Amino acid sequence: MNKAICIRDFEGVGFLKENNDKDKKVHIKKGDIIEWDNQGCLWYDDVCFGHMDAYPGQYFQF
């Protein structure tokens, strides 16, 4: 997985890697490291919270 840095606090909802039927809140602080996979899905602590095209430069520096 590729890594990016959070440039602004982010709060959202995503789903767990093993259970995409269950919503999980994410709280990402400025300076935290996130990852993205080959499909562009953004991950933090095993929670997929969006796609990299949805946040072009707003919250994350790729």
Protein backbone atom coordinates (compact mmCIF):
# COMPACT_ATOMS: atom_id res chain seq x y z
CA MET A 1 0.00 0.00 0.00
CA ASN A 2 1.03 3.60 -0.63
CA LYS A 3 1.15 6.17 2.14
CA ALA A 4 -0.05 9.77 2.48
CA ILE A 5 -0.09 12.32 5.27
CA CYS A 6 -3.17 14.03 6.67
CA ILE A 7 -2.88 17.83 6.27
CA ARG A 8 -6.15 18.70 8.05
CA ASP A 9 -8.20 16.90 10.71
CA PHE A 10 -10.73 14.53 9.15
CA GLU A 11 -13.78 12.80 10.62
CA GLY A 12 -15.86 10.38 8.62
CA VAL A 13 -17.44 6.95 8.41
CA GLY A 14 -16.13 3.88 6.65
CA PHE A 15 -16.19 0.12 6.84
CA LEU A 16 -13.87 -2.47 8.32
CA LYS A 17 -11.65 -4.50 6.00
CA GLU A 18 -13.25 -7.76 7.16
CA ASN A 19 -16.86 -6.54 7.46
CA ASN A 20 -18.10 -4.04 4.87
CA ASP A 21 -21.66 -4.15 6.27
CA LYS A 22 -20.68 -2.40 9.52
CA ASP A 23 -20.10 1.37 9.67
CA LYS A 24 -17.04 2.51 11.60
CA LYS A 25 -16.17 6.10 12.51
CA VAL A 26 -12.69 7.40 11.74
CA HIS A 27 -10.96 10.32 13.43
CA ILE A 28 -7.77 11.25 11.60
CA LYS A 29 -5.64 14.07 12.94
CA LYS A 30 -3.29 16.36 11.05
CA GLY A 31 0.04 14.56 10.67
CA ASP A 32 -1.42 11.02 10.79
CA ILE A 33 -0.40 8.62 8.04
CA ILE A 34 -3.05 6.95 5.89
CA GLU A 35 -2.69 4.35 3.15
CA TRP A 36 -4.34 3.73 -0.20
CA ASP A 37 -4.57 0.53 -2.21
CA ASN A 38 -4.32 -0.19 -5.94
CA GLN A 39 -7.99 0.73 -6.46
CA GLY A 40 -7.52 4.13 -4.78
CA CYS A 41 -9.43 3.22 -1.59
CA LEU A 42 -8.22 5.14 1.47
CA TRP A 43 -7.45 3.19 4.66
CA TYR A 44 -6.79 4.17 8.26
CA ASP A 45 -6.56 1.57 11.07
CA ASP A 46 -8.08 -1.12 8.78
CA VAL A 47 -11.09 1.11 7.99
CA CYS A 48 -11.83 2.10 4.38
CA PHE A 49 -13.21 5.63 4.57
CA GLY A 50 -13.33 6.75 0.94
CA HIS A 51 -11.59 7.02 -2.40
CA MET A 52 -8.59 9.23 -3.14
CA ASP A 53 -10.45 10.99 -6.00
CA ALA A 54 -13.06 12.24 -3.51
CA TYR A 55 -10.52 14.31 -1.53
CA PRO A 56 -8.12 15.88 -4.07
CA GLY A 57 -5.72 17.80 -1.85
CA GLN A 58 -8.35 18.80 0.74
CA TYR A 59 -7.24 16.54 3.59
CA PHE A 60 -4.36 14.39 2.41
CA GLN A 61 -1.04 14.98 0.67
CA PHE A 62 -0.34 12.04 -1.62
